[in-house]
Amino acid sequence: MKPFLLLAIRADDAVADGEYESFLGFAGLGERDLRRVRLEQRPLGNIDLGEWSGILLGGGPFNCSDPEGSKSPVQRRVEADLRGLLDRVITDDFPFLGACYGIGTLGSHQGAVVDRRHGELPGPVPVTLTREGRQDPLLCGLPGTFDAFVGHKEAISALPRHAVLLASSPACPVQAFRIGSNAYATQFHPELDAPGFCTRVDVYKHAGYFEPERAGELKALAHRSSVTRPPAILRRFAQRYARRGTVHAEAAPSQPGAVSPAGQPRA
């Protein structure tokens, strides 16, 4: 099977590694089948889409709606790398699933309005599928409304006409959408369970998502919650888009900085 590629932006190792383990476990993939690139550490390089089954983009502390002057050089580089990659993902209708930061990234690339009007405190929220969501290959079979973990400062206020709205929540009008047939994004975290949520609460306690003194309350709420349905989306993504075949080194010319399916830059 050709591997999937996970793009990550979390600088804290505990959260970054926990995110990777969650994607592995909930997608039902082994380490050889899910390769990670930590974009906060190095440039993306050249990606040959033909060498991958699909691309996943995790969450993190960056916000697409941050004023340009406030963005660090790393954030600006990551955004430029992702814009270039999404140009090809959308053109090829290539399998893509972005979570949290991924919804702002895909949304802004496609002309959505991304702003601070619909942020949600960290915790479980009820997510309701639209008619299109109930018929979508990744979401069909889920309950019409299910709980999912969120925690975000920005969100999409308005989608472009060519986007398909798949889900919403009471405080956030766009919880999931699709572009074409194969490019998806969710505001909620399909990879997150209660222990992973609590780790992120501890790490991002002073990052402006909530008042720090509420950390204990938020973690207790997470442990009382019944968030069990969202991981099915990851497993279905992996099963739907797994591509058979062996990747050969000669399949594409090596270029400086290119990323190989081994997850390492090519020479």
Protein backbone atom coordinates (compact mmCIF):
# COMPACT_ATOMS: atom_id res chain seq x y z
CA MET A 1 0.00 0.00 0.00
CA LYS A 2 1.20 3.50 -0.75
CA PRO A 3 1.51 5.39 2.55
CA PHE A 4 -0.50 8.34 3.75
CA LEU A 5 1.24 11.61 4.62
CA LEU A 6 0.53 13.47 7.87
CA LEU A 7 1.51 17.13 7.92
CA ALA A 8 1.93 18.54 11.43
CA ILE A 9 2.68 21.97 12.91
CA ARG A 10 2.82 21.33 16.67
CA ALA A 11 6.13 22.39 18.24
CA ASP A 12 5.57 20.62 21.58
CA ASP A 13 6.88 17.05 21.25
CA ALA A 14 4.36 15.52 23.66
CA VAL A 15 1.40 16.93 21.76
CA ALA A 16 2.97 16.32 18.34
CA ASP A 17 3.73 12.68 19.13
CA GLY A 18 0.33 12.19 20.73
CA GLU A 19 -1.33 13.57 17.62
CA TYR A 20 0.62 11.17 15.41
CA GLU A 21 -0.25 8.20 17.63
CA SER A 22 -3.92 9.19 17.54
CA PHE A 23 -3.99 9.41 13.76
CA LEU A 24 -2.25 6.03 13.56
CA GLY A 25 -4.61 4.30 15.95
CA PHE A 26 -7.91 5.75 14.83
CA ALA A 27 -7.11 5.43 11.13
CA GLY A 28 -6.01 1.83 11.67
CA LEU A 29 -2.61 2.42 10.09
CA GLY A 30 0.87 1.23 10.95
CA GLU A 31 3.90 3.51 11.08
CA ARG A 32 5.05 2.41 7.63
CA ASP A 33 1.65 3.44 6.28
CA LEU A 34 1.49 6.92 7.84
CA ARG A 35 4.57 9.10 7.42
CA ARG A 36 4.83 12.41 9.24
CA VAL A 37 6.42 15.72 8.28
CA ARG A 38 6.65 18.31 11.07
CA LEU A 39 6.36 21.52 9.12
CA GLU A 40 7.30 23.67 12.10
CA GLN A 41 10.75 22.06 11.89
CA ARG A 42 11.50 22.10 8.17
CA PRO A 43 10.06 23.07 4.78
CA LEU A 44 7.69 20.68 3.08
CA GLY A 45 9.76 20.28 -0.06
CA ASN A 46 8.40 18.75 -3.24
CA ILE A 47 5.57 16.24 -2.87
CA ASP A 48 4.86 13.76 -5.66
CA LEU A 49 1.18 13.03 -5.13
CA GLY A 50 1.52 9.79 -7.08
CA GLU A 51 3.61 8.32 -4.27
CA TRP A 52 0.92 8.74 -1.61
CA SER A 53 -2.53 7.37 -0.84
CA GLY A 54 -3.72 10.63 0.70
CA ILE A 55 -2.74 13.60 2.84
CA LEU A 56 -3.80 14.48 6.39
CA LEU A 57 -3.24 17.89 8.01
CA GLY A 58 -3.44 18.16 11.77
CA GLY A 59 -4.20 21.11 14.03
CA GLY A 60 -1.96 23.47 15.94
CA PRO A 61 -1.44 26.99 17.27
CA PHE A 62 -1.41 28.84 13.93
CA ASN A 63 -4.47 30.77 12.76
CA CYS A 64 -5.10 31.73 9.14
CA SER A 65 -6.85 34.90 10.35
CA ASP A 66 -3.82 36.14 12.30
CA PRO A 67 -2.76 39.61 11.08
CA GLU A 68 0.03 39.17 8.56
CA GLY A 69 2.41 41.31 10.58
CA SER A 70 1.96 39.12 13.67
CA LYS A 71 2.86 35.86 11.91
CA SER A 72 6.27 34.36 12.59
CA PRO A 73 8.60 33.50 9.70
CA VAL A 74 7.81 29.82 10.37
CA GLN A 75 4.06 30.38 10.12
CA ARG A 76 4.45 32.32 6.88
CA ARG A 77 6.64 29.57 5.43
CA VAL A 78 4.18 26.85 6.47
CA GLU A 79 1.28 28.75 4.92
CA ALA A 80 3.16 29.21 1.66
CA ASP A 81 4.10 25.51 1.56
CA LEU A 82 0.49 24.47 2.13
CA ARG A 83 -0.89 26.87 -0.46
CA GLY A 84 1.39 25.37 -3.07
CA LEU A 85 0.45 21.84 -2.09
CA LEU A 86 -3.28 22.61 -2.09
CA ASP A 87 -3.01 24.09 -5.58
CA ARG A 88 -2.17 20.58 -6.78
CA VAL A 89 -4.47 18.73 -4.38
CA ILE A 90 -7.50 20.66 -5.65
CA THR A 91 -6.47 20.46 -9.31
CA ASP A 92 -6.08 16.67 -9.06
CA ASP A 93 -9.02 16.20 -6.65
CA PHE A 94 -6.53 14.30 -4.51
CA PRO A 95 -7.57 12.72 -1.18
CA PHE A 96 -7.05 15.27 1.59
CA LEU A 97 -8.42 15.62 5.11
CA GLY A 98 -7.58 18.64 7.27
CA ALA A 99 -8.62 18.92 10.92
CA CYS A 100 -9.05 22.21 12.84
CA TYR A 101 -6.14 24.24 11.40
CA GLY A 102 -6.78 22.25 8.25
CA ILE A 103 -10.29 23.69 7.81
CA GLY A 104 -9.00 27.25 7.88
CA THR A 105 -6.16 26.33 5.54
CA LEU A 106 -8.36 24.61 2.95
CA GLY A 107 -11.12 27.17 3.43
CA SER A 108 -8.93 30.23 2.93
CA HIS A 109 -7.31 28.58 -0.10
CA GLN A 110 -10.76 28.17 -1.64
CA GLY A 111 -12.05 31.64 -0.84
CA ALA A 112 -13.99 31.01 2.37
CA VAL A 113 -14.38 33.74 4.99
CA VAL A 114 -12.21 32.74 7.97
CA ASP A 115 -12.56 35.00 11.03
CA ARG A 116 -12.97 35.05 14.82
CA ARG A 117 -16.78 35.17 15.02
CA HIS A 118 -17.40 31.48 15.66
CA GLY A 119 -14.64 30.26 17.96
CA GLU A 120 -15.51 27.50 20.44
CA LEU A 121 -14.07 26.76 23.86
CA PRO A 122 -12.18 23.46 24.12
CA GLY A 123 -14.57 20.64 24.85
CA PRO A 124 -17.24 18.38 23.36
CA VAL A 125 -19.95 19.90 21.16
CA PRO A 126 -22.88 18.36 19.26
CA VAL A 127 -22.11 18.21 15.53
CA THR A 128 -25.07 17.85 13.16
CA LEU A 129 -24.77 16.51 9.64
CA THR A 130 -26.43 18.27 6.72
CA ARG A 131 -28.38 16.32 4.10
CA GLU A 132 -25.21 16.23 1.99
CA GLY A 133 -23.24 15.09 5.02
CA ARG A 134 -25.58 12.18 5.65
CA GLN A 135 -24.99 11.07 2.04
CA ASP A 136 -21.23 11.65 1.99
CA PRO A 137 -19.00 8.56 1.66
CA LEU A 138 -16.90 9.51 4.73
CA LEU A 139 -19.80 10.52 6.97
CA CYS A 140 -22.75 8.36 5.99
CA GLY A 141 -23.64 5.90 8.71
CA LEU A 142 -22.78 8.32 11.51
CA PRO A 143 -25.67 9.52 13.68
CA GLY A 144 -27.36 12.67 12.45
CA THR A 145 -25.92 14.41 15.52
CA PHE A 146 -22.85 13.23 17.40
CA ASP A 147 -20.42 14.70 19.93
CA ALA A 148 -16.92 15.77 18.90
CA PHE A 149 -14.02 17.62 20.53
CA VAL A 150 -13.31 21.17 19.40
CA GLY A 151 -11.19 24.09 20.56
CA HIS A 152 -10.47 26.95 18.17
CA LYS A 153 -10.19 30.73 17.97
CA GLU A 154 -11.16 31.09 14.32
CA ALA A 155 -13.68 29.37 12.08
CA ILE A 156 -15.30 29.64 8.68
CA SER A 157 -18.18 32.13 8.58
CA ALA A 158 -19.04 31.67 4.92
CA LEU A 159 -18.14 29.00 2.37
CA PRO A 160 -17.64 29.61 -1.36
CA ARG A 161 -20.48 28.36 -3.57
CA HIS A 162 -18.53 25.39 -4.91
CA ALA A 163 -17.92 23.98 -1.40
CA VAL A 164 -20.31 21.38 0.04
CA LEU A 165 -21.31 21.97 3.66
CA LEU A 166 -21.34 18.65 5.51
CA ALA A 167 -21.83 19.51 9.20
CA SER A 168 -22.36 22.34 11.67
CA SER A 169 -22.70 22.91 15.42
CA PRO A 170 -24.82 25.37 17.44
CA ALA A 171 -21.99 27.94 17.74
CA CYS A 172 -20.10 27.19 14.54
CA PRO A 173 -21.84 27.12 11.13
CA VAL A 174 -19.13 25.13 9.34
CA GLN A 175 -17.92 22.02 11.15
CA ALA A 176 -17.09 20.09 7.98
CA PHE A 177 -17.07 20.66 4.23
CA ARG A 178 -15.84 19.10 1.01
CA ILE A 179 -14.30 20.44 -2.18
CA GLY A 180 -14.78 18.30 -5.26
CA SER A 181 -15.10 14.63 -4.43
CA ASN A 182 -12.04 14.00 -2.26
CA ALA A 183 -10.79 17.10 -0.40
CA TYR A 184 -12.26 17.36 3.11
CA ALA A 185 -11.84 19.47 6.22
CA THR A 186 -13.34 19.36 9.70
CA GLN A 187 -13.36 22.01 12.42
CA PHE A 188 -13.65 19.29 15.05
CA HIS A 189 -10.87 16.81 15.80
CA PRO A 190 -11.64 13.30 14.48
CA GLU A 191 -8.34 12.08 15.96
CA LEU A 192 -9.00 13.21 19.52
CA ASP A 193 -10.11 11.21 22.57
CA ALA A 194 -10.40 12.37 26.19
CA PRO A 195 -6.78 11.63 27.24
CA GLY A 196 -5.43 13.39 24.13
CA PHE A 197 -7.75 16.33 24.75
CA CYS A 198 -6.47 16.67 28.33
CA THR A 199 -2.85 16.70 27.15
CA ARG A 200 -3.64 19.58 24.82
CA VAL A 201 -5.45 21.47 27.58
CA ASP A 202 -2.30 21.25 29.70
CA VAL A 203 0.07 22.27 26.91
CA TYR A 204 -2.05 25.13 25.53
CA LYS A 205 -3.31 26.40 28.90
CA HIS A 206 -1.75 29.82 28.35
CA ALA A 207 -2.30 30.06 24.58
CA GLY A 208 -5.51 32.09 24.76
CA TYR A 209 -8.06 29.35 24.04
CA PHE A 210 -9.57 29.55 27.55
CA GLU A 211 -8.96 31.04 30.97
CA PRO A 212 -6.12 28.99 32.53
CA GLU A 213 -7.98 28.46 35.79
CA ARG A 214 -10.64 26.51 33.85
CA ALA A 215 -8.23 23.76 32.80
CA GLY A 216 -9.36 21.31 35.46
CA GLU A 217 -13.02 21.92 34.64
CA LEU A 218 -12.43 21.33 30.92
CA LYS A 219 -10.54 18.09 31.54
CA ALA A 220 -13.25 16.79 33.87
CA LEU A 221 -15.87 17.58 31.24
CA ALA A 222 -13.87 15.71 28.61
CA HIS A 223 -13.72 12.59 30.78
CA ARG A 224 -17.50 12.74 31.32
CA SER A 225 -18.19 13.13 27.61
CA SER A 226 -19.23 10.48 25.13
CA VAL A 227 -17.06 11.36 22.12
CA THR A 228 -16.83 8.06 20.25
CA ARG A 229 -18.04 8.64 16.68
CA PRO A 230 -15.53 11.02 14.99
CA PRO A 231 -12.65 8.50 14.71
CA ALA A 232 -14.77 6.51 12.25
CA ILE A 233 -14.12 9.30 9.75
CA LEU A 234 -10.37 8.67 9.88
CA ARG A 235 -10.74 4.93 9.49
CA ARG A 236 -13.09 5.39 6.55
CA PHE A 237 -10.70 7.89 4.93
CA ALA A 238 -7.84 5.39 5.21
CA GLN A 239 -9.95 2.49 3.92
CA ARG A 240 -11.49 4.48 1.07
CA TYR A 241 -8.27 5.95 -0.27
CA ALA A 242 -5.65 3.29 0.40
CA ARG A 243 -3.88 2.82 -2.93
CA ARG A 244 -2.26 -0.44 -3.81
CA GLY A 245 1.11 -0.61 -5.48
CA THR A 246 4.78 -0.33 -4.70
CA VAL A 247 6.47 3.06 -4.77
CA HIS A 248 9.67 2.92 -6.82
CA ALA A 249 12.47 5.44 -6.51
CA GLU A 250 12.46 5.94 -10.28
CA ALA A 251 8.76 6.86 -10.36
CA ALA A 252 9.67 10.54 -10.25
CA PRO A 253 12.92 12.43 -10.57
CA SER A 254 14.54 13.31 -7.28
CA GLN A 255 14.56 17.00 -6.50
CA PRO A 256 16.33 18.87 -3.70
CA GLY A 257 14.11 18.99 -0.63
CA ALA A 258 11.58 16.49 -1.99
CA VAL A 259 9.77 14.29 0.53
CA SER A 260 9.92 10.56 -0.07
CA PRO A 261 7.38 8.05 1.25
CA ALA A 262 10.00 7.14 3.85
CA GLY A 263 9.20 10.53 5.36
CA GLN A 264 12.71 11.84 4.81
CA PRO A 265 13.97 14.53 2.45
CA ARG A 266 15.54 13.25 -0.71
CA ALA A 267 19.17 14.10 -1.31
